[in-house]
């Protein structure tokens, strides 16, 4: 089994940086939504990702109909998954026939 460990670490580092950018962008989306909601309807920043994601996304689309941050979040998620799959190939977990 041949592994390219340097390439693996580089690809994994890129995925980690993209993941950090995704988290920061998610907090920006929550902040933007909360800025335009009344105090009683605001979302908590911590622990809100899984429980309220669809509600936050609906509120963001309602408040910012032309906003592109959700699209960027989804694209970042696709890129992260792609880099993780590439790192699996470099580590030798996956092999092409």
PDB file of N, CA and C in Angstrom:
ATOM      1  N   UNK A   1       0.847  -1.180   0.000  1.00  0.00           N
ATOM      2  CA  UNK A   1       0.000   0.000   0.000  1.00  0.00           C
ATOM      3  C   UNK A   1       0.893   1.244   0.000  1.00  0.00           C
ATOM      4  N   UNK A   2       0.777   2.024  -1.041  1.00  0.00           N
ATOM      5  CA  UNK A   2       1.564   3.235  -1.193  1.00  0.00           C
ATOM      6  C   UNK A   2       0.753   4.422  -0.695  1.00  0.00           C
ATOM      7  N   UNK A   3       1.347   5.195   0.190  1.00  0.00           N
ATOM      8  CA  UNK A   3       0.654   6.386   0.681  1.00  0.00           C
ATOM      9  C   UNK A   3       1.519   7.604   0.428  1.00  0.00           C
ATOM     10  N   UNK A   4       0.861   8.694   0.132  1.00  0.00           N
ATOM     11  CA  UNK A   4       1.524   9.970  -0.057  1.00  0.00           C
ATOM     12  C   UNK A   4       1.197  10.811   1.171  1.00  0.00           C
ATOM     13  N   UNK A   5       1.996  10.662   2.226  1.00  0.00           N
ATOM     14  CA  UNK A   5       1.646  11.279   3.493  1.00  0.00           C
ATOM     15  C   UNK A   5       1.718  12.805   3.448  1.00  0.00           C
ATOM     16  N   UNK A   6       2.686  13.368   2.719  1.00  0.00           N
ATOM     17  CA  UNK A   6       2.768  14.828   2.637  1.00  0.00           C
ATOM     18  C   UNK A   6       1.532  15.401   1.945  1.00  0.00           C
ATOM     19  N   UNK A   7       1.167  14.800   0.831  1.00  0.00           N
ATOM     20  CA  UNK A   7      -0.039  15.246   0.125  1.00  0.00           C
ATOM     21  C   UNK A   7      -1.282  15.078   0.972  1.00  0.00           C
ATOM     22  N   UNK A   8      -1.333  13.999   1.742  1.00  0.00           N
ATOM     23  CA  UNK A   8      -2.456  13.763   2.637  1.00  0.00           C
ATOM     24  C   UNK A   8      -2.589  14.901   3.643  1.00  0.00           C
ATOM     25  N   UNK A   9      -1.470  15.282   4.261  1.00  0.00           N
ATOM     26  CA  UNK A   9      -1.519  16.346   5.261  1.00  0.00           C
ATOM     27  C   UNK A   9      -1.865  17.698   4.638  1.00  0.00           C
ATOM     28  N   UNK A  10      -1.398  17.955   3.449  1.00  0.00           N
ATOM     29  CA  UNK A  10      -1.718  19.211   2.767  1.00  0.00           C
ATOM     30  C   UNK A  10      -3.216  19.278   2.467  1.00  0.00           C
ATOM     31  N   UNK A  11      -3.748  18.201   1.909  1.00  0.00           N
ATOM     32  CA  UNK A  11      -5.171  18.176   1.565  1.00  0.00           C
ATOM     33  C   UNK A  11      -6.020  18.252   2.830  1.00  0.00           C
ATOM     34  N   UNK A  12      -5.607  17.556   3.875  1.00  0.00           N
ATOM     35  CA  UNK A  12      -6.340  17.603   5.134  1.00  0.00           C
ATOM     36  C   UNK A  12      -6.283  18.997   5.758  1.00  0.00           C
ATOM     37  N   UNK A  13      -5.148  19.669   5.629  1.00  0.00           N
ATOM     38  CA  UNK A  13      -5.023  21.038   6.153  1.00  0.00           C
ATOM     39  C   UNK A  13      -5.933  21.995   5.391  1.00  0.00           C
ATOM     40  N   UNK A  14      -6.021  21.830   4.085  1.00  0.00           N
ATOM     41  CA  UNK A  14      -6.920  22.673   3.287  1.00  0.00           C
ATOM     42  C   UNK A  14      -8.365  22.439   3.720  1.00  0.00           C
ATOM     43  N   UNK A  15      -8.736  21.181   3.933  1.00  0.00           N
ATOM     44  CA  UNK A  15     -10.095  20.874   4.386  1.00  0.00           C
ATOM     45  C   UNK A  15     -10.361  21.493   5.757  1.00  0.00           C
ATOM     46  N   UNK A  16      -9.374  21.464   6.646  1.00  0.00           N
ATOM     47  CA  UNK A  16      -9.547  22.049   7.978  1.00  0.00           C
ATOM     48  C   UNK A  16      -9.708  23.563   7.907  1.00  0.00           C
ATOM     49  N   UNK A  17      -8.947  24.216   7.039  1.00  0.00           N
ATOM     50  CA  UNK A  17      -9.077  25.669   6.879  1.00  0.00           C
ATOM     51  C   UNK A  17     -10.450  26.017   6.316  1.00  0.00           C
ATOM     52  N   UNK A  18     -10.909  25.258   5.319  1.00  0.00           N
ATOM     53  CA  UNK A  18     -12.247  25.498   4.765  1.00  0.00           C
ATOM     54  C   UNK A  18     -13.323  25.272   5.809  1.00  0.00           C
ATOM     55  N   UNK A  19     -13.126  24.275   6.663  1.00  0.00           N
ATOM     56  CA  UNK A  19     -14.082  24.016   7.739  1.00  0.00           C
ATOM     57  C   UNK A  19     -14.140  25.205   8.697  1.00  0.00           C
ATOM     58  N   UNK A  20     -12.987  25.771   9.039  1.00  0.00           N
ATOM     59  CA  UNK A  20     -12.960  26.954   9.900  1.00  0.00           C
ATOM     60  C   UNK A  20     -13.658  28.144   9.260  1.00  0.00           C
ATOM     61  N   UNK A  21     -13.462  28.330   7.961  1.00  0.00           N
ATOM     62  CA  UNK A  21     -14.141  29.409   7.243  1.00  0.00           C
ATOM     63  C   UNK A  21     -15.648  29.177   7.255  1.00  0.00           C
ATOM     64  N   UNK A  22     -16.057  27.918   7.107  1.00  0.00           N
ATOM     65  CA  UNK A  22     -17.479  27.581   7.124  1.00  0.00           C
ATOM     66  C   UNK A  22     -18.099  27.918   8.473  1.00  0.00           C
ATOM     67  N   UNK A  23     -17.412  27.581   9.551  1.00  0.00           N
ATOM     68  CA  UNK A  23     -17.933  27.891  10.889  1.00  0.00           C
ATOM     69  C   UNK A  23     -18.052  29.401  11.072  1.00  0.00           C
ATOM     70  N   UNK A  24     -17.029  30.143  10.665  1.00  0.00           N
ATOM     71  CA  UNK A  24     -17.076  31.599  10.806  1.00  0.00           C
ATOM     72  C   UNK A  24     -18.212  32.190   9.977  1.00  0.00           C
ATOM     73  N   UNK A  25     -18.406  31.686   8.762  1.00  0.00           N
ATOM     74  CA  UNK A  25     -19.481  32.195   7.908  1.00  0.00           C
ATOM     75  C   UNK A  25     -20.844  31.854   8.486  1.00  0.00           C
ATOM     76  N   UNK A  26     -20.981  30.667   9.099  1.00  0.00           N
ATOM     77  CA  UNK A  26     -22.255  30.311   9.726  1.00  0.00           C
ATOM     78  C   UNK A  26     -22.577  31.287  10.858  1.00  0.00           C
ATOM     79  N   UNK A  27     -21.581  31.641  11.685  1.00  0.00           N
ATOM     80  CA  UNK A  27     -21.828  32.603  12.756  1.00  0.00           C
ATOM     81  C   UNK A  27     -22.197  33.978  12.198  1.00  0.00           C
ATOM     82  N   UNK A  28     -21.642  34.340  11.058  1.00  0.00           N
ATOM     83  CA  UNK A  28     -22.013  35.603  10.418  1.00  0.00           C
ATOM     84  C   UNK A  28     -23.468  35.558   9.956  1.00  0.00           C
ATOM     85  N   UNK A  29     -23.888  34.423   9.385  1.00  0.00           N
ATOM     86  CA  UNK A  29     -25.284  34.278   8.954  1.00  0.00           C
ATOM     87  C   UNK A  29     -26.219  34.397  10.152  1.00  0.00           C
ATOM     88  N   UNK A  30     -25.896  33.712  11.245  1.00  0.00           N
ATOM     89  CA  UNK A  30     -26.742  33.778  12.452  1.00  0.00           C
ATOM     90  C   UNK A  30     -26.770  35.204  12.980  1.00  0.00           C
ATOM     91  N   UNK A  31     -25.630  35.886  12.977  1.00  0.00           N
ATOM     92  CA  UNK A  31     -25.588  37.271  13.444  1.00  0.00           C
ATOM     93  C   UNK A  31     -26.453  38.182  12.573  1.00  0.00           C
ATOM     94  N   UNK A  32     -26.358  38.001  11.245  1.00  0.00           N
ATOM     95  CA  UNK A  32     -27.152  38.822  10.334  1.00  0.00           C
ATOM     96  C   UNK A  32     -28.647  38.594  10.533  1.00  0.00           C
ATOM     97  N   UNK A  33     -29.035  37.347  10.716  1.00  0.00           N
ATOM     98  CA  UNK A  33     -30.446  37.033  10.936  1.00  0.00           C
ATOM     99  C   UNK A  33     -30.903  37.624  12.265  1.00  0.00           C
ATOM    100  N   UNK A  34     -30.112  37.429  13.314  1.00  0.00           N
ATOM    101  CA  UNK A  34     -30.495  37.945  14.630  1.00  0.00           C
ATOM    102  C   UNK A  34     -30.579  39.468  14.649  1.00  0.00           C
ATOM    103  N   UNK A  35     -29.749  40.112  13.849  1.00  0.00           N
ATOM    104  CA  UNK A  35     -29.765  41.583  13.797  1.00  0.00           C
ATOM    105  C   UNK A  35     -31.111  42.110  13.302  1.00  0.00           C
ATOM    106  N   UNK A  36     -31.806  41.323  12.480  1.00  0.00           N
ATOM    107  CA  UNK A  36     -33.067  41.769  11.896  1.00  0.00           C
ATOM    108  C   UNK A  36     -34.294  41.147  12.539  1.00  0.00           C
ATOM    109  N   UNK A  37     -34.133  40.404  13.603  1.00  0.00           N
ATOM    110  CA  UNK A  37     -35.269  39.790  14.298  1.00  0.00           C
ATOM    111  C   UNK A  37     -35.507  40.480  15.626  1.00  0.00           C
ATOM    112  N   UNK A  38     -36.750  40.463  16.109  1.00  0.00           N
ATOM    113  CA  UNK A  38     -37.007  40.974  17.452  1.00  0.00           C
ATOM    114  C   UNK A  38     -36.274  40.125  18.500  1.00  0.00           C
ATOM    115  N   UNK A  39     -36.047  40.701  19.647  1.00  0.00           N
ATOM    116  CA  UNK A  39     -35.269  40.033  20.706  1.00  0.00           C
ATOM    117  C   UNK A  39     -35.830  38.657  21.072  1.00  0.00           C
ATOM    118  N   UNK A  40     -37.135  38.510  21.099  1.00  0.00           N
ATOM    119  CA  UNK A  40     -37.750  37.240  21.509  1.00  0.00           C
ATOM    120  C   UNK A  40     -37.579  36.129  20.468  1.00  0.00           C
ATOM    121  N   UNK A  41     -37.334  36.496  19.215  1.00  0.00           N
ATOM    122  CA  UNK A  41     -37.236  35.499  18.144  1.00  0.00           C
ATOM    123  C   UNK A  41     -35.801  35.174  17.741  1.00  0.00           C
ATOM    124  N   UNK A  42     -34.834  35.760  18.404  1.00  0.00           N
ATOM    125  CA  UNK A  42     -33.440  35.565  18.010  1.00  0.00           C
ATOM    126  C   UNK A  42     -32.959  34.148  18.321  1.00  0.00           C
ATOM    127  N   UNK A  43     -31.983  33.719  17.537  1.00  0.00           N
ATOM    128  CA  UNK A  43     -31.397  32.395  17.681  1.00  0.00           C
ATOM    129  C   UNK A  43     -30.115  32.482  18.494  1.00  0.00           C
ATOM    130  N   UNK A  44     -29.842  31.447  19.266  1.00  0.00           N
ATOM    131  CA  UNK A  44     -28.584  31.373  19.983  1.00  0.00           C
ATOM    132  C   UNK A  44     -27.470  30.995  19.025  1.00  0.00           C
ATOM    133  N   UNK A  45     -26.321  31.563  19.224  1.00  0.00           N
ATOM    134  CA  UNK A  45     -25.204  31.285  18.328  1.00  0.00           C
ATOM    135  C   UNK A  45     -24.623  29.899  18.613  1.00  0.00           C
ATOM    136  N   UNK A  46     -24.456  29.566  19.863  1.00  0.00           N
ATOM    137  CA  UNK A  46     -23.863  28.281  20.227  1.00  0.00           C
ATOM    138  C   UNK A  46     -24.964  27.238  20.374  1.00  0.00           C
ATOM    139  N   UNK A  47     -24.740  26.092  19.783  1.00  0.00           N
ATOM    140  CA  UNK A  47     -25.696  25.002  19.880  1.00  0.00           C
ATOM    141  C   UNK A  47     -26.896  25.152  18.971  1.00  0.00           C
ATOM    142  N   UNK A  48     -26.859  26.097  18.055  1.00  0.00           N
ATOM    143  CA  UNK A  48     -28.018  26.328  17.201  1.00  0.00           C
ATOM    144  C   UNK A  48     -27.915  25.632  15.855  1.00  0.00           C
ATOM    145  N   UNK A  49     -26.777  25.047  15.565  1.00  0.00           N
ATOM    146  CA  UNK A  49     -26.554  24.551  14.216  1.00  0.00           C
ATOM    147  C   UNK A  49     -27.519  23.419  13.865  1.00  0.00           C
ATOM    148  N   UNK A  50     -27.559  22.371  14.676  1.00  0.00           N
ATOM    149  CA  UNK A  50     -28.371  21.218  14.324  1.00  0.00           C
ATOM    150  C   UNK A  50     -29.852  21.458  14.592  1.00  0.00           C
ATOM    151  N   UNK A  51     -30.164  22.060  15.710  1.00  0.00           N
ATOM    152  CA  UNK A  51     -31.565  22.210  16.099  1.00  0.00           C
ATOM    153  C   UNK A  51     -32.307  23.236  15.252  1.00  0.00           C
ATOM    154  N   UNK A  52     -31.658  24.295  14.864  1.00  0.00           N
ATOM    155  CA  UNK A  52     -32.348  25.408  14.219  1.00  0.00           C
ATOM    156  C   UNK A  52     -31.840  25.726  12.819  1.00  0.00           C
ATOM    157  N   UNK A  53     -31.072  24.855  12.222  1.00  0.00           N
ATOM    158  CA  UNK A  53     -30.481  25.196  10.921  1.00  0.00           C
ATOM    159  C   UNK A  53     -31.534  25.556   9.883  1.00  0.00           C
ATOM    160  N   UNK A  54     -32.576  24.746   9.759  1.00  0.00           N
ATOM    161  CA  UNK A  54     -33.578  25.032   8.725  1.00  0.00           C
ATOM    162  C   UNK A  54     -34.327  26.331   9.035  1.00  0.00           C
ATOM    163  N   UNK A  55     -34.586  26.588  10.308  1.00  0.00           N
ATOM    164  CA  UNK A  55     -35.264  27.841  10.672  1.00  0.00           C
ATOM    165  C   UNK A  55     -34.387  29.055  10.376  1.00  0.00           C
ATOM    166  N   UNK A  56     -33.105  28.923  10.672  1.00  0.00           N
ATOM    167  CA  UNK A  56     -32.185  30.035  10.395  1.00  0.00           C
ATOM    168  C   UNK A  56     -32.068  30.264   8.891  1.00  0.00           C
ATOM    169  N   UNK A  57     -31.985  29.178   8.120  1.00  0.00           N
ATOM    170  CA  UNK A  57     -31.898  29.326   6.670  1.00  0.00           C
ATOM    171  C   UNK A  57     -33.166  29.955   6.095  1.00  0.00           C
ATOM    172  N   UNK A  58     -34.329  29.557   6.577  1.00  0.00           N
ATOM    173  CA  UNK A  58     -35.587  30.157   6.105  1.00  0.00           C
ATOM    174  C   UNK A  58     -35.637  31.636   6.450  1.00  0.00           C
ATOM    175  N   UNK A  59     -35.228  31.980   7.672  1.00  0.00           N
ATOM    176  CA  UNK A  59     -35.225  33.391   8.070  1.00  0.00           C
ATOM    177  C   UNK A  59     -34.231  34.180   7.221  1.00  0.00           C
ATOM    178  N   UNK A  60     -33.063  33.595   6.941  1.00  0.00           N
ATOM    179  CA  UNK A  60     -32.068  34.290   6.121  1.00  0.00           C
ATOM    180  C   UNK A  60     -32.609  34.530   4.716  1.00  0.00           C
ATOM    181  N   UNK A  61     -33.252  33.522   4.132  1.00  0.00           N
ATOM    182  CA  UNK A  61     -33.809  33.693   2.783  1.00  0.00           C
ATOM    183  C   UNK A  61     -34.944  34.711   2.762  1.00  0.00           C
ATOM    184  N   UNK A  62     -35.707  34.783   3.843  1.00  0.00           N
ATOM    185  CA  UNK A  62     -36.792  35.759   3.923  1.00  0.00           C
ATOM    186  C   UNK A  62     -36.238  37.181   4.068  1.00  0.00           C
ATOM    187  N   UNK A  63     -35.223  37.333   4.898  1.00  0.00           N
ATOM    188  CA  UNK A  63     -34.655  38.667   5.156  1.00  0.00           C
ATOM    189  C   UNK A  63     -33.757  39.119   3.999  1.00  0.00           C
ATOM    190  N   UNK A  64     -32.973  38.190   3.463  1.00  0.00           N
ATOM    191  CA  UNK A  64     -32.046  38.493   2.372  1.00  0.00           C
ATOM    192  C   UNK A  64     -32.371  37.608   1.171  1.00  0.00           C
ATOM    193  N   UNK A  65     -33.377  37.959   0.382  1.00  0.00           N
ATOM    194  CA  UNK A  65     -33.760  37.091  -0.737  1.00  0.00           C
ATOM    195  C   UNK A  65     -32.651  36.929  -1.787  1.00  0.00           C
ATOM    196  N   UNK A  66     -31.769  37.900  -1.914  1.00  0.00           N
ATOM    197  CA  UNK A  66     -30.669  37.805  -2.873  1.00  0.00           C
ATOM    198  C   UNK A  66     -29.336  37.461  -2.204  1.00  0.00           C
ATOM    199  N   UNK A  67     -29.384  37.070  -0.928  1.00  0.00           N
ATOM    200  CA  UNK A  67     -28.158  36.748  -0.199  1.00  0.00           C
ATOM    201  C   UNK A  67     -27.500  35.481  -0.722  1.00  0.00           C
ATOM    202  N   UNK A  68     -26.189  35.490  -0.746  1.00  0.00           N
ATOM    203  CA  UNK A  68     -25.435  34.366  -1.306  1.00  0.00           C
ATOM    204  C   UNK A  68     -24.657  33.585  -0.256  1.00  0.00           C
ATOM    205  N   UNK A  69     -24.782  33.945   1.003  1.00  0.00           N
ATOM    206  CA  UNK A  69     -23.975  33.278   2.024  1.00  0.00           C
ATOM    207  C   UNK A  69     -24.353  31.815   2.192  1.00  0.00           C
ATOM    208  N   UNK A  70     -25.631  31.475   2.063  1.00  0.00           N
ATOM    209  CA  UNK A  70     -26.034  30.073   2.183  1.00  0.00           C
ATOM    210  C   UNK A  70     -25.486  29.247   1.023  1.00  0.00           C
ATOM    211  N   UNK A  71     -25.457  29.831  -0.160  1.00  0.00           N
ATOM    212  CA  UNK A  71     -24.884  29.122  -1.302  1.00  0.00           C
ATOM    213  C   UNK A  71     -23.383  28.891  -1.083  1.00  0.00           C
ATOM    214  N   UNK A  72     -22.702  29.890  -0.554  1.00  0.00           N
ATOM    215  CA  UNK A  72     -21.278  29.745  -0.278  1.00  0.00           C
ATOM    216  C   UNK A  72     -21.051  28.678   0.788  1.00  0.00           C
ATOM    217  N   UNK A  73     -21.911  28.641   1.817  1.00  0.00           N
ATOM    218  CA  UNK A  73     -21.796  27.597   2.841  1.00  0.00           C
ATOM    219  C   UNK A  73     -21.950  26.206   2.240  1.00  0.00           C
ATOM    220  N   UNK A  74     -22.925  26.042   1.360  1.00  0.00           N
ATOM    221  CA  UNK A  74     -23.126  24.741   0.727  1.00  0.00           C
ATOM    222  C   UNK A  74     -21.947  24.361  -0.167  1.00  0.00           C
ATOM    223  N   UNK A  75     -21.417  25.315  -0.910  1.00  0.00           N
ATOM    224  CA  UNK A  75     -20.254  25.034  -1.755  1.00  0.00           C
ATOM    225  C   UNK A  75     -19.028  24.668  -0.924  1.00  0.00           C
ATOM    226  N   UNK A  76     -18.844  25.363   0.187  1.00  0.00           N
ATOM    227  CA  UNK A  76     -17.734  25.020   1.068  1.00  0.00           C
ATOM    228  C   UNK A  76     -17.875  23.600   1.592  1.00  0.00           C
ATOM    229  N   UNK A  77     -19.098  23.204   1.934  1.00  0.00           N
ATOM    230  CA  UNK A  77     -19.332  21.840   2.393  1.00  0.00           C
ATOM    231  C   UNK A  77     -18.996  20.813   1.332  1.00  0.00           C
ATOM    232  N   UNK A  78     -19.340  21.103   0.088  1.00  0.00           N
ATOM    233  CA  UNK A  78     -19.011  20.190  -1.010  1.00  0.00           C
ATOM    234  C   UNK A  78     -17.492  20.099  -1.185  1.00  0.00           C
ATOM    235  N   UNK A  79     -16.804  21.242  -1.134  1.00  0.00           N
ATOM    236  CA  UNK A  79     -15.354  21.235  -1.275  1.00  0.00           C
ATOM    237  C   UNK A  79     -14.685  20.478  -0.127  1.00  0.00           C
ATOM    238  N   UNK A  80     -15.193  20.672   1.093  1.00  0.00           N
ATOM    239  CA  UNK A  80     -14.628  19.958   2.241  1.00  0.00           C
ATOM    240  C   UNK A  80     -14.765  18.458   2.046  1.00  0.00           C
ATOM    241  N   UNK A  81     -15.941  18.008   1.650  1.00  0.00           N
ATOM    242  CA  UNK A  81     -16.136  16.573   1.427  1.00  0.00           C
ATOM    243  C   UNK A  81     -15.229  16.074   0.302  1.00  0.00           C
ATOM    244  N   UNK A  82     -15.075  16.857  -0.741  1.00  0.00           N
ATOM    245  CA  UNK A  82     -14.183  16.477  -1.827  1.00  0.00           C
ATOM    246  C   UNK A  82     -12.742  16.331  -1.361  1.00  0.00           C
ATOM    247  N   UNK A  83     -12.274  17.288  -0.556  1.00  0.00           N
ATOM    248  CA  UNK A  83     -10.910  17.200  -0.044  1.00  0.00           C
ATOM    249  C   UNK A  83     -10.741  16.014   0.898  1.00  0.00           C
ATOM    250  N   UNK A  84     -11.761  15.693   1.665  1.00  0.00           N
ATOM    251  CA  UNK A  84     -11.669  14.521   2.539  1.00  0.00           C
ATOM    252  C   UNK A  84     -11.601  13.229   1.728  1.00  0.00           C
ATOM    253  N   UNK A  85     -12.356  13.158   0.640  1.00  0.00           N
ATOM    254  CA  UNK A  85     -12.282  11.979  -0.227  1.00  0.00           C
ATOM    255  C   UNK A  85     -10.903  11.894  -0.881  1.00  0.00           C
ATOM    256  N   UNK A  86     -10.387  13.017  -1.335  1.00  0.00           N
ATOM    257  CA  UNK A  86      -9.045  13.028  -1.929  1.00  0.00           C
ATOM    258  C   UNK A  86      -8.005  12.577  -0.897  1.00  0.00           C
ATOM    259  N   UNK A  87      -8.149  13.034   0.347  1.00  0.00           N
ATOM    260  CA  UNK A  87      -7.196  12.603   1.374  1.00  0.00           C
ATOM    261  C   UNK A  87      -7.314  11.106   1.618  1.00  0.00           C
ATOM    262  N   UNK A  88      -8.510  10.545   1.485  1.00  0.00           N
ATOM    263  CA  UNK A  88      -8.669   9.097   1.607  1.00  0.00           C
ATOM    264  C   UNK A  88      -7.942   8.358   0.505  1.00  0.00           C
ATOM    265  N   UNK A  89      -7.975   8.893  -0.710  1.00  0.00           N
ATOM    266  CA  UNK A  89      -7.218   8.290  -1.808  1.00  0.00           C
ATOM    267  C   UNK A  89      -5.714   8.387  -1.548  1.00  0.00           C
ATOM    268  N   UNK A  90      -5.267   9.546  -1.070  1.00  0.00           N
ATOM    269  CA  UNK A  90      -3.835   9.717  -0.808  1.00  0.00           C
ATOM    270  C   UNK A  90      -3.346   8.828   0.330  1.00  0.00           C
ATOM    271  N   UNK A  91      -4.200   8.568   1.286  1.00  0.00           N
ATOM    272  CA  UNK A  91      -3.829   7.715   2.414  1.00  0.00           C
ATOM    273  C   UNK A  91      -3.898   6.244   2.053  1.00  0.00           C
ATOM    274  N   UNK A  92      -4.586   5.949   0.974  1.00  0.00           N
ATOM    275  CA  UNK A  92      -4.700   4.565   0.543  1.00  0.00           C
ATOM    276  C   UNK A  92      -5.954   3.868   1.024  1.00  0.00           C
ATOM    277  N   UNK A  93      -6.868   4.619   1.621  1.00  0.00           N
ATOM    278  CA  UNK A  93      -8.131   4.028   2.082  1.00  0.00           C
ATOM    279  C   UNK A  93      -8.992   3.649   0.875  1.00  0.00           C
ATOM    280  N   UNK A  94      -9.039   4.515  -0.115  1.00  0.00           N
ATOM    281  CA  UNK A  94      -9.783   4.263  -1.338  1.00  0.00           C
ATOM    282  C   UNK A  94      -8.791   3.952  -2.464  1.00  0.00           C
ATOM    283  N   UNK A  95      -9.182   3.089  -3.363  1.00  0.00           N
ATOM    284  CA  UNK A  95      -8.363   2.793  -4.532  1.00  0.00           C
ATOM    285  C   UNK A  95      -9.248   2.737  -5.751  1.00  0.00           C
ATOM    286  N   UNK A  96      -8.736   3.221  -6.840  1.00  0.00           N
ATOM    287  CA  UNK A  96      -9.443   3.098  -8.110  1.00  0.00           C
ATOM    288  C   UNK A  96      -9.177   1.710  -8.671  1.00  0.00           C
ATOM    289  N   UNK A  97     -10.170   1.128  -9.333  1.00  0.00           N
ATOM    290  CA  UNK A  97      -9.970  -0.226  -9.881  1.00  0.00           C
ATOM    291  C   UNK A  97      -8.952  -0.267 -10.988  1.00  0.00           C
TER     292      UNK A  97
END
